[in-house]
PDB file of N, CA and C in Angstrom:
ATOM      1  N   MET A   1       7.658  10.112 -18.141  1.00  0.00           N
ATOM      2  CA  MET A   1       6.749   9.892 -17.029  1.00  0.00           C
ATOM      3  C   MET A   1       5.409   9.376 -17.552  1.00  0.00           C
ATOM      4  N   LYS A   2       4.936   8.293 -16.932  1.00  0.00           N
ATOM      5  CA  LYS A   2       3.644   7.734 -17.325  1.00  0.00           C
ATOM      6  C   LYS A   2       2.525   8.528 -16.679  1.00  0.00           C
ATOM      7  N   LYS A   3       1.473   8.745 -17.459  1.00  0.00           N
ATOM      8  CA  LYS A   3       0.270   9.394 -16.926  1.00  0.00           C
ATOM      9  C   LYS A   3      -0.784   8.315 -16.763  1.00  0.00           C
ATOM     10  N   ILE A   4      -1.147   8.053 -15.525  1.00  0.00           N
ATOM     11  CA  ILE A   4      -2.135   7.034 -15.198  1.00  0.00           C
ATOM     12  C   ILE A   4      -3.401   7.756 -14.758  1.00  0.00           C
ATOM     13  N   GLN A   5      -4.514   7.419 -15.405  1.00  0.00           N
ATOM     14  CA  GLN A   5      -5.789   8.025 -15.029  1.00  0.00           C
ATOM     15  C   GLN A   5      -6.749   6.931 -14.592  1.00  0.00           C
ATOM     16  N   ILE A   6      -7.436   7.183 -13.506  1.00  0.00           N
ATOM     17  CA  ILE A   6      -8.463   6.279 -12.998  1.00  0.00           C
ATOM     18  C   ILE A   6      -9.798   6.959 -13.291  1.00  0.00           C
ATOM     19  N   LEU A   7     -10.610   6.324 -14.122  1.00  0.00           N
ATOM     20  CA  LEU A   7     -11.912   6.884 -14.481  1.00  0.00           C
ATOM     21  C   LEU A   7     -12.973   6.243 -13.608  1.00  0.00           C
ATOM     22  N   GLY A   8     -13.723   7.066 -12.898  1.00  0.00           N
ATOM     23  CA  GLY A   8     -14.792   6.544 -12.057  1.00  0.00           C
ATOM     24  C   GLY A   8     -15.308   7.618 -11.129  1.00  0.00           C
ATOM     25  N   THR A   9     -16.443   7.338 -10.529  1.00  0.00           N
ATOM     26  CA  THR A   9     -17.128   8.336  -9.709  1.00  0.00           C
ATOM     27  C   THR A   9     -16.667   8.332  -8.257  1.00  0.00           C
ATOM     28  N   GLY A  10     -15.699   7.489  -7.929  1.00  0.00           N
ATOM     29  CA  GLY A  10     -15.212   7.437  -6.557  1.00  0.00           C
ATOM     30  C   GLY A  10     -15.752   6.258  -5.773  1.00  0.00           C
ATOM     31  N   CYS A  11     -16.334   5.290  -6.454  1.00  0.00           N
ATOM     32  CA  CYS A  11     -16.883   4.099  -5.802  1.00  0.00           C
ATOM     33  C   CYS A  11     -15.749   3.248  -5.211  1.00  0.00           C
ATOM     34  N   ALA A  12     -16.120   2.225  -4.474  1.00  0.00           N
ATOM     35  CA  ALA A  12     -15.133   1.357  -3.827  1.00  0.00           C
ATOM     36  C   ALA A  12     -14.204   0.704  -4.858  1.00  0.00           C
ATOM     37  N   LYS A  13     -14.770   0.248  -5.986  1.00  0.00           N
ATOM     38  CA  LYS A  13     -13.933  -0.375  -7.021  1.00  0.00           C
ATOM     39  C   LYS A  13     -12.976   0.643  -7.640  1.00  0.00           C
ATOM     40  N   CYS A  14     -13.433   1.887  -7.783  1.00  0.00           N
ATOM     41  CA  CYS A  14     -12.576   2.946  -8.332  1.00  0.00           C
ATOM     42  C   CYS A  14     -11.397   3.189  -7.400  1.00  0.00           C
ATOM     43  N   GLN A  15     -11.676   3.223  -6.109  1.00  0.00           N
ATOM     44  CA  GLN A  15     -10.621   3.431  -5.124  1.00  0.00           C
ATOM     45  C   GLN A  15      -9.649   2.260  -5.109  1.00  0.00           C
ATOM     46  N   LYS A  16     -10.173   1.045  -5.256  1.00  0.00           N
ATOM     47  CA  LYS A  16      -9.314  -0.146  -5.276  1.00  0.00           C
ATOM     48  C   LYS A  16      -8.416  -0.116  -6.517  1.00  0.00           C
ATOM     49  N   LEU A  17      -8.980   0.253  -7.664  1.00  0.00           N
ATOM     50  CA  LEU A  17      -8.180   0.332  -8.891  1.00  0.00           C
ATOM     51  C   LEU A  17      -7.062   1.358  -8.730  1.00  0.00           C
ATOM     52  N   ALA A  18      -7.357   2.497  -8.122  1.00  0.00           N
ATOM     53  CA  ALA A  18      -6.330   3.519  -7.891  1.00  0.00           C
ATOM     54  C   ALA A  18      -5.212   2.963  -7.014  1.00  0.00           C
ATOM     55  N   ALA A  19      -5.576   2.229  -5.973  1.00  0.00           N
ATOM     56  CA  ALA A  19      -4.586   1.653  -5.064  1.00  0.00           C
ATOM     57  C   ALA A  19      -3.735   0.601  -5.772  1.00  0.00           C
ATOM     58  N   VAL A  20      -4.374  -0.253  -6.571  1.00  0.00           N
ATOM     59  CA  VAL A  20      -3.653  -1.302  -7.301  1.00  0.00           C
ATOM     60  C   VAL A  20      -2.710  -0.677  -8.334  1.00  0.00           C
ATOM     61  N   ALA A  21      -3.184   0.342  -9.051  1.00  0.00           N
ATOM     62  CA  ALA A  21      -2.351   1.007 -10.052  1.00  0.00           C
ATOM     63  C   ALA A  21      -1.148   1.669  -9.400  1.00  0.00           C
ATOM     64  N   ASP A  22      -1.369   2.303  -8.260  1.00  0.00           N
ATOM     65  CA  ASP A  22      -0.287   2.960  -7.526  1.00  0.00           C
ATOM     66  C   ASP A  22       0.748   1.932  -7.080  1.00  0.00           C
ATOM     67  N   GLU A  23       0.282   0.823  -6.509  1.00  0.00           N
ATOM     68  CA  GLU A  23       1.184  -0.236  -6.040  1.00  0.00           C
ATOM     69  C   GLU A  23       1.958  -0.856  -7.207  1.00  0.00           C
ATOM     70  N   ALA A  24       1.281  -1.077  -8.326  1.00  0.00           N
ATOM     71  CA  ALA A  24       1.927  -1.677  -9.498  1.00  0.00           C
ATOM     72  C   ALA A  24       3.008  -0.749 -10.056  1.00  0.00           C
ATOM     73  N   ALA A  25       2.689   0.538 -10.164  1.00  0.00           N
ATOM     74  CA  ALA A  25       3.655   1.504 -10.707  1.00  0.00           C
ATOM     75  C   ALA A  25       4.869   1.610  -9.792  1.00  0.00           C
ATOM     76  N   GLN A  26       4.635   1.612  -8.482  1.00  0.00           N
ATOM     77  CA  GLN A  26       5.762   1.654  -7.540  1.00  0.00           C
ATOM     78  C   GLN A  26       6.599   0.384  -7.650  1.00  0.00           C
ATOM     79  N   GLY A  27       5.916  -0.762  -7.786  1.00  0.00           N
ATOM     80  CA  GLY A  27       6.612  -2.044  -7.897  1.00  0.00           C
ATOM     81  C   GLY A  27       7.491  -2.115  -9.135  1.00  0.00           C
ATOM     82  N   LEU A  28       7.070  -1.428 -10.194  1.00  0.00           N
ATOM     83  CA  LEU A  28       7.854  -1.405 -11.440  1.00  0.00           C
ATOM     84  C   LEU A  28       8.912  -0.302 -11.423  1.00  0.00           C
ATOM     85  N   GLY A  29       8.881   0.540 -10.398  1.00  0.00           N
ATOM     86  CA  GLY A  29       9.835   1.636 -10.311  1.00  0.00           C
ATOM     87  C   GLY A  29       9.610   2.721 -11.358  1.00  0.00           C
ATOM     88  N   LEU A  30       8.351   2.915 -11.757  1.00  0.00           N
ATOM     89  CA  LEU A  30       8.032   3.895 -12.794  1.00  0.00           C
ATOM     90  C   LEU A  30       8.000   5.315 -12.243  1.00  0.00           C
ATOM     91  N   ALA A  31       8.333   6.261 -13.112  1.00  0.00           N
ATOM     92  CA  ALA A  31       8.035   7.666 -12.826  1.00  0.00           C
ATOM     93  C   ALA A  31       6.618   7.873 -13.357  1.00  0.00           C
ATOM     94  N   TYR A  32       5.710   8.285 -12.492  1.00  0.00           N
ATOM     95  CA  TYR A  32       4.308   8.347 -12.899  1.00  0.00           C
ATOM     96  C   TYR A  32       3.553   9.382 -12.103  1.00  0.00           C
ATOM     97  N   GLU A  33       2.396   9.728 -12.633  1.00  0.00           N
ATOM     98  CA  GLU A  33       1.441  10.539 -11.886  1.00  0.00           C
ATOM     99  C   GLU A  33       0.077   9.902 -12.062  1.00  0.00           C
ATOM    100  N   ILE A  34      -0.710   9.943 -10.998  1.00  0.00           N
ATOM    101  CA  ILE A  34      -2.066   9.387 -11.048  1.00  0.00           C
ATOM    102  C   ILE A  34      -3.069  10.531 -10.948  1.00  0.00           C
ATOM    103  N   GLU A  35      -4.036  10.484 -11.853  1.00  0.00           N
ATOM    104  CA  GLU A  35      -5.129  11.461 -11.828  1.00  0.00           C
ATOM    105  C   GLU A  35      -6.434  10.699 -11.726  1.00  0.00           C
ATOM    106  N   LYS A  36      -7.294  11.116 -10.823  1.00  0.00           N
ATOM    107  CA  LYS A  36      -8.624  10.514 -10.715  1.00  0.00           C
ATOM    108  C   LYS A  36      -9.591  11.387 -11.495  1.00  0.00           C
ATOM    109  N   VAL A  37     -10.213  10.806 -12.500  1.00  0.00           N
ATOM    110  CA  VAL A  37     -11.169  11.523 -13.342  1.00  0.00           C
ATOM    111  C   VAL A  37     -12.571  11.117 -12.902  1.00  0.00           C
ATOM    112  N   THR A  38     -13.316  12.068 -12.325  1.00  0.00           N
ATOM    113  CA  THR A  38     -14.630  11.743 -11.771  1.00  0.00           C
ATOM    114  C   THR A  38     -15.784  12.388 -12.537  1.00  0.00           C
ATOM    115  N   GLU A  39     -15.481  13.314 -13.444  1.00  0.00           N
ATOM    116  CA  GLU A  39     -16.538  14.000 -14.183  1.00  0.00           C
ATOM    117  C   GLU A  39     -17.055  13.103 -15.300  1.00  0.00           C
ATOM    118  N   LEU A  40     -18.361  12.878 -15.326  1.00  0.00           N
ATOM    119  CA  LEU A  40     -18.953  11.954 -16.300  1.00  0.00           C
ATOM    120  C   LEU A  40     -18.671  12.350 -17.745  1.00  0.00           C
ATOM    121  N   ASP A  41     -18.675  13.652 -18.050  1.00  0.00           N
ATOM    122  CA  ASP A  41     -18.422  14.048 -19.438  1.00  0.00           C
ATOM    123  C   ASP A  41     -16.991  13.713 -19.854  1.00  0.00           C
ATOM    124  N   ARG A  42     -16.031  13.836 -18.933  1.00  0.00           N
ATOM    125  CA  ARG A  42     -14.648  13.462 -19.264  1.00  0.00           C
ATOM    126  C   ARG A  42     -14.505  11.948 -19.410  1.00  0.00           C
ATOM    127  N   ILE A  43     -15.189  11.198 -18.534  1.00  0.00           N
ATOM    128  CA  ILE A  43     -15.144   9.734 -18.615  1.00  0.00           C
ATOM    129  C   ILE A  43     -15.711   9.285 -19.959  1.00  0.00           C
ATOM    130  N   MET A  44     -16.857   9.845 -20.344  1.00  0.00           N
ATOM    131  CA  MET A  44     -17.486   9.466 -21.611  1.00  0.00           C
ATOM    132  C   MET A  44     -16.629   9.896 -22.801  1.00  0.00           C
ATOM    133  N   GLY A  45     -15.820  10.931 -22.622  1.00  0.00           N
ATOM    134  CA  GLY A  45     -14.911  11.373 -23.675  1.00  0.00           C
ATOM    135  C   GLY A  45     -13.883  10.322 -24.048  1.00  0.00           C
ATOM    136  N   PHE A  46     -13.613   9.400 -23.122  1.00  0.00           N
ATOM    137  CA  PHE A  46     -12.703   8.289 -23.405  1.00  0.00           C
ATOM    138  C   PHE A  46     -13.431   7.127 -24.074  1.00  0.00           C
ATOM    139  N   GLY A  47     -14.757   7.240 -24.215  1.00  0.00           N
ATOM    140  CA  GLY A  47     -15.543   6.154 -24.799  1.00  0.00           C
ATOM    141  C   GLY A  47     -15.793   5.026 -23.814  1.00  0.00           C
ATOM    142  N   VAL A  48     -15.640   5.306 -22.533  1.00  0.00           N
ATOM    143  CA  VAL A  48     -15.806   4.287 -21.495  1.00  0.00           C
ATOM    144  C   VAL A  48     -17.256   4.264 -21.035  1.00  0.00           C
ATOM    145  N   MET A  49     -17.852   3.073 -21.069  1.00  0.00           N
ATOM    146  CA  MET A  49     -19.238   2.914 -20.633  1.00  0.00           C
ATOM    147  C   MET A  49     -19.329   2.312 -19.228  1.00  0.00           C
ATOM    148  N   PHE A  50     -18.271   1.617 -18.803  1.00  0.00           N
ATOM    149  CA  PHE A  50     -18.274   0.964 -17.495  1.00  0.00           C
ATOM    150  C   PHE A  50     -17.071   1.421 -16.694  1.00  0.00           C
ATOM    151  N   THR A  51     -17.314   1.765 -15.436  1.00  0.00           N
ATOM    152  CA  THR A  51     -16.220   2.142 -14.556  1.00  0.00           C
ATOM    153  C   THR A  51     -16.044   1.055 -13.497  1.00  0.00           C
ATOM    154  N   PRO A  52     -14.897   0.961 -12.899  1.00  0.00           N
ATOM    155  CA  PRO A  52     -13.756   1.838 -13.085  1.00  0.00           C
ATOM    156  C   PRO A  52     -13.008   1.516 -14.368  1.00  0.00           C
ATOM    157  N   ALA A  53     -12.204   2.451 -14.823  1.00  0.00           N
ATOM    158  CA  ALA A  53     -11.371   2.219 -16.001  1.00  0.00           C
ATOM    159  C   ALA A  53      -9.971   2.736 -15.727  1.00  0.00           C
ATOM    160  N   LEU A  54      -9.007   2.067 -16.343  1.00  0.00           N
ATOM    161  CA  LEU A  54      -7.601   2.443 -16.221  1.00  0.00           C
ATOM    162  C   LEU A  54      -7.132   2.963 -17.564  1.00  0.00           C
ATOM    163  N   VAL A  55      -6.597   4.190 -17.559  1.00  0.00           N
ATOM    164  CA  VAL A  55      -6.076   4.813 -18.778  1.00  0.00           C
ATOM    165  C   VAL A  55      -4.591   5.083 -18.551  1.00  0.00           C
ATOM    166  N   VAL A  56      -3.760   4.634 -19.488  1.00  0.00           N
ATOM    167  CA  VAL A  56      -2.324   4.855 -19.396  1.00  0.00           C
ATOM    168  C   VAL A  56      -1.884   5.640 -20.623  1.00  0.00           C
ATOM    169  N   ASP A  57      -1.319   6.809 -20.392  1.00  0.00           N
ATOM    170  CA  ASP A  57      -0.852   7.682 -21.471  1.00  0.00           C
ATOM    171  C   ASP A  57      -1.932   7.897 -22.532  1.00  0.00           C
ATOM    172  N   GLY A  58      -3.174   8.106 -22.077  1.00  0.00           N
ATOM    173  CA  GLY A  58      -4.272   8.415 -22.981  1.00  0.00           C
ATOM    174  C   GLY A  58      -4.954   7.231 -23.627  1.00  0.00           C
ATOM    175  N   VAL A  59      -4.502   5.995 -23.320  1.00  0.00           N
ATOM    176  CA  VAL A  59      -5.072   4.786 -23.920  1.00  0.00           C
ATOM    177  C   VAL A  59      -5.823   4.001 -22.844  1.00  0.00           C
ATOM    178  N   VAL A  60      -7.090   3.687 -23.113  1.00  0.00           N
ATOM    179  CA  VAL A  60      -7.884   2.894 -22.168  1.00  0.00           C
ATOM    180  C   VAL A  60      -7.345   1.462 -22.183  1.00  0.00           C
ATOM    181  N   LYS A  61      -6.900   0.995 -21.017  1.00  0.00           N
ATOM    182  CA  LYS A  61      -6.322  -0.348 -20.909  1.00  0.00           C
ATOM    183  C   LYS A  61      -7.323  -1.373 -20.387  1.00  0.00           C
ATOM    184  N   VAL A  62      -8.193  -0.949 -19.500  1.00  0.00           N
ATOM    185  CA  VAL A  62      -9.198  -1.867 -18.957  1.00  0.00           C
ATOM    186  C   VAL A  62     -10.374  -1.033 -18.448  1.00  0.00           C
ATOM    187  N   ALA A  63     -11.590  -1.578 -18.600  1.00  0.00           N
ATOM    188  CA  ALA A  63     -12.787  -0.877 -18.119  1.00  0.00           C
ATOM    189  C   ALA A  63     -13.760  -1.884 -17.526  1.00  0.00           C
ATOM    190  N   GLY A  64     -14.433  -1.467 -16.470  1.00  0.00           N
ATOM    191  CA  GLY A  64     -15.485  -2.289 -15.878  1.00  0.00           C
ATOM    192  C   GLY A  64     -15.019  -3.310 -14.866  1.00  0.00           C
ATOM    193  N   LYS A  65     -13.719  -3.345 -14.559  1.00  0.00           N
ATOM    194  CA  LYS A  65     -13.236  -4.303 -13.562  1.00  0.00           C
ATOM    195  C   LYS A  65     -11.924  -3.803 -12.977  1.00  0.00           C
ATOM    196  N   VAL A  66     -11.525  -4.441 -11.890  1.00  0.00           N
ATOM    197  CA  VAL A  66     -10.243  -4.136 -11.264  1.00  0.00           C
ATOM    198  C   VAL A  66      -9.321  -5.320 -11.544  1.00  0.00           C
ATOM    199  N   PRO A  67      -8.292  -5.116 -12.375  1.00  0.00           N
ATOM    200  CA  PRO A  67      -7.373  -6.222 -12.668  1.00  0.00           C
ATOM    201  C   PRO A  67      -6.506  -6.541 -11.449  1.00  0.00           C
ATOM    202  N   SER A  68      -5.916  -7.733 -11.456  1.00  0.00           N
ATOM    203  CA  SER A  68      -5.018  -8.115 -10.372  1.00  0.00           C
ATOM    204  C   SER A  68      -3.769  -7.236 -10.412  1.00  0.00           C
ATOM    205  N   LEU A  69      -2.995  -7.291  -9.348  1.00  0.00           N
ATOM    206  CA  LEU A  69      -1.754  -6.514  -9.281  1.00  0.00           C
ATOM    207  C   LEU A  69      -0.821  -6.909 -10.429  1.00  0.00           C
ATOM    208  N   GLU A  70      -0.684  -8.208 -10.667  1.00  0.00           N
ATOM    209  CA  GLU A  70       0.212  -8.676 -11.739  1.00  0.00           C
ATOM    210  C   GLU A  70      -0.285  -8.219 -13.111  1.00  0.00           C
ATOM    211  N   ASP A  71      -1.583  -8.316 -13.344  1.00  0.00           N
ATOM    212  CA  ASP A  71      -2.133  -7.864 -14.630  1.00  0.00           C
ATOM    213  C   ASP A  71      -1.945  -6.358 -14.799  1.00  0.00           C
ATOM    214  N   THR A  72      -2.105  -5.629 -13.706  1.00  0.00           N
ATOM    215  CA  THR A  72      -1.926  -4.172 -13.772  1.00  0.00           C
ATOM    216  C   THR A  72      -0.481  -3.829 -14.113  1.00  0.00           C
ATOM    217  N   LYS A  73       0.456  -4.562 -13.540  1.00  0.00           N
ATOM    218  CA  LYS A  73       1.879  -4.332 -13.870  1.00  0.00           C
ATOM    219  C   LYS A  73       2.109  -4.529 -15.374  1.00  0.00           C
ATOM    220  N   LYS A  74       1.503  -5.568 -15.948  1.00  0.00           N
ATOM    221  CA  LYS A  74       1.651  -5.824 -17.379  1.00  0.00           C
ATOM    222  C   LYS A  74       1.065  -4.681 -18.196  1.00  0.00           C
ATOM    223  N   LEU A  75      -0.069  -4.140 -17.745  1.00  0.00           N
ATOM    224  CA  LEU A  75      -0.713  -3.046 -18.461  1.00  0.00           C
ATOM    225  C   LEU A  75       0.129  -1.763 -18.408  1.00  0.00           C
ATOM    226  N   LEU A  76       0.866  -1.589 -17.330  1.00  0.00           N
ATOM    227  CA  LEU A  76       1.670  -0.375 -17.163  1.00  0.00           C
ATOM    228  C   LEU A  76       3.058  -0.493 -17.811  1.00  0.00           C
ATOM    229  N   ALA A  77       3.539  -1.704 -17.955  1.00  0.00           N
ATOM    230  CA  ALA A  77       4.915  -1.909 -18.450  1.00  0.00           C
ATOM    231  C   ALA A  77       5.087  -1.479 -19.890  1.00  0.00           C
TER     232      ALA A  77
END
């Protein structure tokens, strides 16, 4: 099972990234769970300076932007 984490304070871009990640994971037929990480100390623990950020299985895949659905699928695959 993939662990997908969305790092961000809950802003509009953070919510969009969560929606795109969810849609991409469903489109790929993955077994996954999504966690929204909103605490600044936890976000900084990943070394992320810009939100939103996408973390897959503990690895930061993208930070500071919302990738397209197709790009997100590639990041999750």
